[in-house]
Amino acid sequence: MDLISLYINTLDKKRREFNDNKQRLSQGLKKLEETNVQIAELKISLAESAPILAQKDIDLAETMVIVDKETAEANETKAIVEQEEEIVSKQYAEAQAVKTEVEDDLAAAQPEMDKAKAAVASLTADSIVEMASLNNPNANVALVAEPIMMLLGHKKDWKSAQGVMKKSQNFLKTLKEFDVSTIKES
């Protein structure tokens, strides 16, 4: 009778431990999924905004060169100055309007970036160690790990992800210090 009681108590204890571990893993997976979605959205937003801003800066620089050249030539003749000033003013206004629009788009993307950083900041070394210990992870865990490994420049298979995650402090530090501006559009 004592053995049965001991067995039932041990079984209950192991079930509670299993359920606690399952719940922690589930919460970690949810956070990783949310972070993955936010990172994907930010990557798209930044990829769309960055080339536009760069081109607008180039256009603005070219416009300013043209303005300087035309202003020097305009000093010779007042009529030429008045004509060129009107053209340059329009180009500059257009360039400024585009630059303002791009800056607004970039400012709009900042809250999403902050959310993603907050999600990454909430990760703990324990949750990383726990994930790394999974030999056959849930498909969602592998799905989240794959783009993270790609962004960090590692192979995207689970064995590689485990190897990187087993160095949990370094992996966590790398995630927290990841510079999204280094992401290149493929």
C-alpha atoms as a PDB file:
ATOM      1  CA  MET A   1       0.000   0.000   0.000  1.00  0.00           C
ATOM      2  CA  ASP A   2       2.876   2.351   0.849  1.00  0.00           C
ATOM      3  CA  LEU A   3       4.499   1.618  -2.489  1.00  0.00           C
ATOM      4  CA  ILE A   4       1.302   2.484  -4.342  1.00  0.00           C
ATOM      5  CA  SER A   5       0.967   5.699  -2.375  1.00  0.00           C
ATOM      6  CA  LEU A   6       4.596   6.567  -3.080  1.00  0.00           C
ATOM      7  CA  TYR A   7       4.106   5.778  -6.766  1.00  0.00           C
ATOM      8  CA  ILE A   8       0.979   7.978  -6.967  1.00  0.00           C
ATOM      9  CA  ASN A   9       2.742  10.875  -5.191  1.00  0.00           C
ATOM     10  CA  THR A  10       5.757  10.598  -7.474  1.00  0.00           C
ATOM     11  CA  LEU A  11       3.510  10.379 -10.532  1.00  0.00           C
ATOM     12  CA  ASP A  12       1.603  13.520  -9.440  1.00  0.00           C
ATOM     13  CA  LYS A  13       4.849  15.371  -8.830  1.00  0.00           C
ATOM     14  CA  LYS A  14       6.213  14.413 -12.247  1.00  0.00           C
ATOM     15  CA  ARG A  15       2.948  15.438 -13.917  1.00  0.00           C
ATOM     16  CA  ARG A  16       3.113  18.854 -12.254  1.00  0.00           C
ATOM     17  CA  GLU A  17       6.731  19.263 -13.365  1.00  0.00           C
ATOM     18  CA  PHE A  18       5.804  18.221 -16.892  1.00  0.00           C
ATOM     19  CA  ASN A  19       2.881  20.662 -17.006  1.00  0.00           C
ATOM     20  CA  ASP A  20       5.057  23.488 -15.625  1.00  0.00           C
ATOM     21  CA  ASN A  21       7.715  22.804 -18.240  1.00  0.00           C
ATOM     22  CA  LYS A  22       5.085  22.589 -20.955  1.00  0.00           C
ATOM     23  CA  GLN A  23       3.614  25.933 -19.910  1.00  0.00           C
ATOM     24  CA  ARG A  24       7.047  27.639 -19.835  1.00  0.00           C
ATOM     25  CA  LEU A  25       7.869  26.274 -23.275  1.00  0.00           C
ATOM     26  CA  SER A  26       4.505  27.403 -24.606  1.00  0.00           C
ATOM     27  CA  GLN A  27       5.050  30.929 -23.283  1.00  0.00           C
ATOM     28  CA  GLY A  28       8.543  31.030 -24.736  1.00  0.00           C
ATOM     29  CA  LEU A  29       7.273  29.860 -28.097  1.00  0.00           C
ATOM     30  CA  LYS A  30       4.560  32.501 -28.105  1.00  0.00           C
ATOM     31  CA  LYS A  31       7.117  35.202 -27.384  1.00  0.00           C
ATOM     32  CA  LEU A  32       9.393  33.906 -30.119  1.00  0.00           C
ATOM     33  CA  GLU A  33       6.514  33.783 -32.592  1.00  0.00           C
ATOM     34  CA  GLU A  34       5.480  37.329 -31.728  1.00  0.00           C
ATOM     35  CA  THR A  35       9.061  38.491 -32.069  1.00  0.00           C
ATOM     36  CA  ASN A  36       9.429  36.718 -35.410  1.00  0.00           C
ATOM     37  CA  VAL A  37       6.297  38.388 -36.757  1.00  0.00           C
ATOM     38  CA  GLN A  38       7.451  41.794 -35.534  1.00  0.00           C
ATOM     39  CA  ILE A  39      10.905  41.309 -37.003  1.00  0.00           C
ATOM     40  CA  ALA A  40       9.437  40.280 -40.360  1.00  0.00           C
ATOM     41  CA  GLU A  41       7.177  43.335 -40.402  1.00  0.00           C
ATOM     42  CA  LEU A  42      10.020  45.630 -39.429  1.00  0.00           C
ATOM     43  CA  LYS A  43      12.311  44.099 -42.005  1.00  0.00           C
ATOM     44  CA  ILE A  44       9.744  44.719 -44.729  1.00  0.00           C
ATOM     45  CA  SER A  45       9.084  48.254 -43.525  1.00  0.00           C
ATOM     46  CA  LEU A  46      12.766  49.101 -43.248  1.00  0.00           C
ATOM     47  CA  ALA A  47      13.570  47.463 -46.566  1.00  0.00           C
ATOM     48  CA  GLU A  48      10.903  49.573 -48.236  1.00  0.00           C
ATOM     49  CA  SER A  49      11.906  52.833 -46.523  1.00  0.00           C
ATOM     50  CA  ALA A  50      15.700  52.639 -46.687  1.00  0.00           C
ATOM     51  CA  PRO A  51      16.169  52.657 -50.483  1.00  0.00           C
ATOM     52  CA  ILE A  52      13.632  55.455 -50.887  1.00  0.00           C
ATOM     53  CA  LEU A  53      15.374  57.598 -48.301  1.00  0.00           C
ATOM     54  CA  ALA A  54      18.780  56.904 -49.855  1.00  0.00           C
ATOM     55  CA  GLN A  55      17.508  57.799 -53.319  1.00  0.00           C
ATOM     56  CA  LYS A  56      15.862  60.955 -52.024  1.00  0.00           C
ATOM     57  CA  ASP A  57      19.107  61.999 -50.358  1.00  0.00           C
ATOM     58  CA  ILE A  58      20.915  61.438 -53.666  1.00  0.00           C
ATOM     59  CA  ASP A  59      18.236  63.380 -55.530  1.00  0.00           C
ATOM     60  CA  LEU A  60      18.469  66.181 -52.989  1.00  0.00           C
ATOM     61  CA  ALA A  61      22.275  66.272 -53.266  1.00  0.00           C
ATOM     62  CA  GLU A  62      22.051  66.369 -57.063  1.00  0.00           C
ATOM     63  CA  THR A  63      19.447  69.118 -56.873  1.00  0.00           C
ATOM     64  CA  MET A  64      21.649  71.140 -54.541  1.00  0.00           C
ATOM     65  CA  VAL A  65      24.610  70.790 -56.927  1.00  0.00           C
ATOM     66  CA  ILE A  66      22.416  71.988 -59.753  1.00  0.00           C
ATOM     67  CA  VAL A  67      21.193  74.882 -57.598  1.00  0.00           C
ATOM     68  CA  ASP A  68      24.738  75.962 -56.765  1.00  0.00           C
ATOM     69  CA  LYS A  69      25.855  75.767 -60.392  1.00  0.00           C
ATOM     70  CA  GLU A  70      22.816  77.622 -61.678  1.00  0.00           C
ATOM     71  CA  THR A  71      23.131  80.281 -58.983  1.00  0.00           C
ATOM     72  CA  ALA A  72      26.718  81.037 -60.035  1.00  0.00           C
ATOM     73  CA  GLU A  73      25.658  81.341 -63.671  1.00  0.00           C
ATOM     74  CA  ALA A  74      22.599  83.382 -62.669  1.00  0.00           C
ATOM     75  CA  ASN A  75      24.789  86.090 -61.167  1.00  0.00           C
ATOM     76  CA  GLU A  76      25.734  87.073 -64.728  1.00  0.00           C
ATOM     77  CA  THR A  77      22.207  87.711 -65.965  1.00  0.00           C
ATOM     78  CA  LYS A  78      19.184  88.723 -63.888  1.00  0.00           C
ATOM     79  CA  ALA A  79      16.707  87.157 -66.280  1.00  0.00           C
ATOM     80  CA  ILE A  80      18.463  83.776 -66.112  1.00  0.00           C
ATOM     81  CA  VAL A  81      18.546  84.031 -62.327  1.00  0.00           C
ATOM     82  CA  GLU A  82      14.791  84.550 -62.068  1.00  0.00           C
ATOM     83  CA  GLN A  83      14.010  81.609 -64.382  1.00  0.00           C
ATOM     84  CA  GLU A  84      16.418  79.203 -62.718  1.00  0.00           C
ATOM     85  CA  GLU A  85      15.386  80.245 -59.206  1.00  0.00           C
ATOM     86  CA  GLU A  86      11.783  79.261 -59.901  1.00  0.00           C
ATOM     87  CA  ILE A  87      12.818  75.834 -61.280  1.00  0.00           C
ATOM     88  CA  VAL A  88      15.191  75.142 -58.416  1.00  0.00           C
ATOM     89  CA  SER A  89      12.660  76.192 -55.794  1.00  0.00           C
ATOM     90  CA  LYS A  90      10.124  73.708 -57.175  1.00  0.00           C
ATOM     91  CA  GLN A  91      12.673  70.879 -57.264  1.00  0.00           C
ATOM     92  CA  TYR A  92      13.829  71.633 -53.752  1.00  0.00           C
ATOM     93  CA  ALA A  93      10.251  71.757 -52.460  1.00  0.00           C
ATOM     94  CA  GLU A  94       9.513  68.400 -54.108  1.00  0.00           C
ATOM     95  CA  ALA A  95      12.675  66.877 -52.681  1.00  0.00           C
ATOM     96  CA  GLN A  96      11.867  68.225 -49.209  1.00  0.00           C
ATOM     97  CA  ALA A  97       8.298  66.897 -49.447  1.00  0.00           C
ATOM     98  CA  VAL A  98       9.592  63.458 -50.364  1.00  0.00           C
ATOM     99  CA  LYS A  99      12.244  63.591 -47.659  1.00  0.00           C
ATOM    100  CA  THR A 100       9.617  64.554 -45.083  1.00  0.00           C
ATOM    101  CA  GLU A 101       7.387  61.703 -46.246  1.00  0.00           C
ATOM    102  CA  VAL A 102      10.203  59.187 -45.950  1.00  0.00           C
ATOM    103  CA  GLU A 103      11.187  60.495 -42.518  1.00  0.00           C
ATOM    104  CA  ASP A 104       7.547  60.183 -41.413  1.00  0.00           C
ATOM    105  CA  ASP A 105       7.481  56.580 -42.680  1.00  0.00           C
ATOM    106  CA  LEU A 106      10.666  55.859 -40.776  1.00  0.00           C
ATOM    107  CA  ALA A 107       9.216  57.466 -37.632  1.00  0.00           C
ATOM    108  CA  ALA A 108       6.058  55.368 -38.041  1.00  0.00           C
ATOM    109  CA  ALA A 109       8.158  52.182 -38.142  1.00  0.00           C
ATOM    110  CA  GLN A 110       9.984  53.084 -34.925  1.00  0.00           C
ATOM    111  CA  PRO A 111       7.216  51.938 -32.507  1.00  0.00           C
ATOM    112  CA  GLU A 112       7.201  48.498 -34.140  1.00  0.00           C
ATOM    113  CA  MET A 113      10.966  48.375 -33.820  1.00  0.00           C
ATOM    114  CA  ASP A 114      10.649  49.270 -30.145  1.00  0.00           C
ATOM    115  CA  LYS A 115       8.067  46.496 -29.629  1.00  0.00           C
ATOM    116  CA  ALA A 116      10.392  43.958 -31.233  1.00  0.00           C
ATOM    117  CA  LYS A 117      13.293  45.122 -29.072  1.00  0.00           C
ATOM    118  CA  ALA A 118      11.100  44.834 -25.966  1.00  0.00           C
ATOM    119  CA  ALA A 119      10.092  41.295 -26.933  1.00  0.00           C
ATOM    120  CA  VAL A 120      13.727  40.298 -27.404  1.00  0.00           C
ATOM    121  CA  ALA A 121      14.659  42.009 -24.140  1.00  0.00           C
ATOM    122  CA  SER A 122      12.091  39.858 -22.297  1.00  0.00           C
ATOM    123  CA  LEU A 123      13.848  36.620 -23.330  1.00  0.00           C
ATOM    124  CA  THR A 124      15.824  34.872 -20.600  1.00  0.00           C
ATOM    125  CA  ALA A 125      18.830  32.607 -20.736  1.00  0.00           C
ATOM    126  CA  ASP A 126      16.744  29.856 -19.116  1.00  0.00           C
ATOM    127  CA  SER A 127      14.205  29.921 -21.924  1.00  0.00           C
ATOM    128  CA  ILE A 128      17.012  29.755 -24.497  1.00  0.00           C
ATOM    129  CA  VAL A 129      18.660  26.824 -22.679  1.00  0.00           C
ATOM    130  CA  GLU A 130      15.311  25.081 -22.503  1.00  0.00           C
ATOM    131  CA  MET A 131      14.760  25.469 -26.242  1.00  0.00           C
ATOM    132  CA  ALA A 132      18.290  24.339 -27.047  1.00  0.00           C
ATOM    133  CA  SER A 133      17.746  21.157 -25.055  1.00  0.00           C
ATOM    134  CA  LEU A 134      14.951  20.010 -27.375  1.00  0.00           C
ATOM    135  CA  ASN A 135      16.172  17.252 -29.684  1.00  0.00           C
ATOM    136  CA  ASN A 136      12.996  17.174 -31.760  1.00  0.00           C
ATOM    137  CA  PRO A 137      11.409  20.593 -31.408  1.00  0.00           C
ATOM    138  CA  ASN A 138       7.846  21.496 -32.164  1.00  0.00           C
ATOM    139  CA  ALA A 139       7.467  22.656 -35.767  1.00  0.00           C
ATOM    140  CA  ASN A 140       6.737  26.197 -34.538  1.00  0.00           C
ATOM    141  CA  VAL A 141       9.983  26.320 -32.575  1.00  0.00           C
ATOM    142  CA  ALA A 142      11.945  25.248 -35.637  1.00  0.00           C
ATOM    143  CA  LEU A 143       9.988  27.722 -37.756  1.00  0.00           C
ATOM    144  CA  VAL A 144      10.933  30.586 -35.436  1.00  0.00           C
ATOM    145  CA  ALA A 145      14.547  29.475 -35.129  1.00  0.00           C
ATOM    146  CA  GLU A 146      15.100  29.291 -38.899  1.00  0.00           C
ATOM    147  CA  PRO A 147      14.809  33.033 -39.727  1.00  0.00           C
ATOM    148  CA  ILE A 148      16.716  33.965 -36.583  1.00  0.00           C
ATOM    149  CA  MET A 149      19.617  31.771 -37.688  1.00  0.00           C
ATOM    150  CA  MET A 150      19.425  33.275 -41.189  1.00  0.00           C
ATOM    151  CA  LEU A 151      19.492  36.829 -39.796  1.00  0.00           C
ATOM    152  CA  LEU A 152      22.478  35.949 -37.626  1.00  0.00           C
ATOM    153  CA  GLY A 153      24.334  34.394 -40.577  1.00  0.00           C
ATOM    154  CA  HIS A 154      24.176  30.751 -39.446  1.00  0.00           C
ATOM    155  CA  LYS A 155      22.836  27.626 -41.104  1.00  0.00           C
ATOM    156  CA  LYS A 156      19.087  27.457 -40.665  1.00  0.00           C
ATOM    157  CA  ASP A 157      18.781  23.792 -39.660  1.00  0.00           C
ATOM    158  CA  TRP A 158      17.808  22.824 -36.096  1.00  0.00           C
ATOM    159  CA  LYS A 159      21.182  21.236 -35.204  1.00  0.00           C
ATOM    160  CA  SER A 160      22.963  24.511 -36.043  1.00  0.00           C
ATOM    161  CA  ALA A 161      20.341  26.464 -34.112  1.00  0.00           C
ATOM    162  CA  GLN A 162      20.858  24.202 -31.098  1.00  0.00           C
ATOM    163  CA  GLY A 163      24.597  24.734 -31.243  1.00  0.00           C
ATOM    164  CA  VAL A 164      24.181  28.487 -31.324  1.00  0.00           C
ATOM    165  CA  MET A 165      21.507  28.494 -28.593  1.00  0.00           C
ATOM    166  CA  LYS A 166      23.547  26.251 -26.285  1.00  0.00           C
ATOM    167  CA  LYS A 167      25.810  29.254 -25.843  1.00  0.00           C
ATOM    168  CA  SER A 168      22.722  30.910 -24.324  1.00  0.00           C
ATOM    169  CA  GLN A 169      24.412  33.993 -22.871  1.00  0.00           C
ATOM    170  CA  ASN A 170      26.232  34.746 -26.134  1.00  0.00           C
ATOM    171  CA  PHE A 171      23.116  33.970 -28.186  1.00  0.00           C
ATOM    172  CA  LEU A 172      20.930  36.154 -25.978  1.00  0.00           C
ATOM    173  CA  LYS A 173      23.492  38.963 -26.092  1.00  0.00           C
ATOM    174  CA  THR A 174      23.690  38.662 -29.901  1.00  0.00           C
ATOM    175  CA  LEU A 175      19.890  38.865 -30.177  1.00  0.00           C
ATOM    176  CA  LYS A 176      19.699  41.859 -27.869  1.00  0.00           C
ATOM    177  CA  GLU A 177      22.519  43.696 -29.646  1.00  0.00           C
ATOM    178  CA  PHE A 178      21.395  42.790 -33.179  1.00  0.00           C
ATOM    179  CA  ASP A 179      21.555  45.840 -35.465  1.00  0.00           C
ATOM    180  CA  VAL A 180      18.615  45.694 -37.871  1.00  0.00           C
ATOM    181  CA  SER A 181      20.266  48.284 -40.072  1.00  0.00           C
ATOM    182  CA  THR A 182      22.721  45.577 -41.160  1.00  0.00           C
ATOM    183  CA  ILE A 183      19.944  43.515 -42.754  1.00  0.00           C
ATOM    184  CA  LYS A 184      20.348  43.462 -46.508  1.00  0.00           C
ATOM    185  CA  GLU A 185      17.448  42.893 -48.852  1.00  0.00           C
ATOM    186  CA  SER A 186      17.850  39.655 -50.789  1.00  0.00           C
END
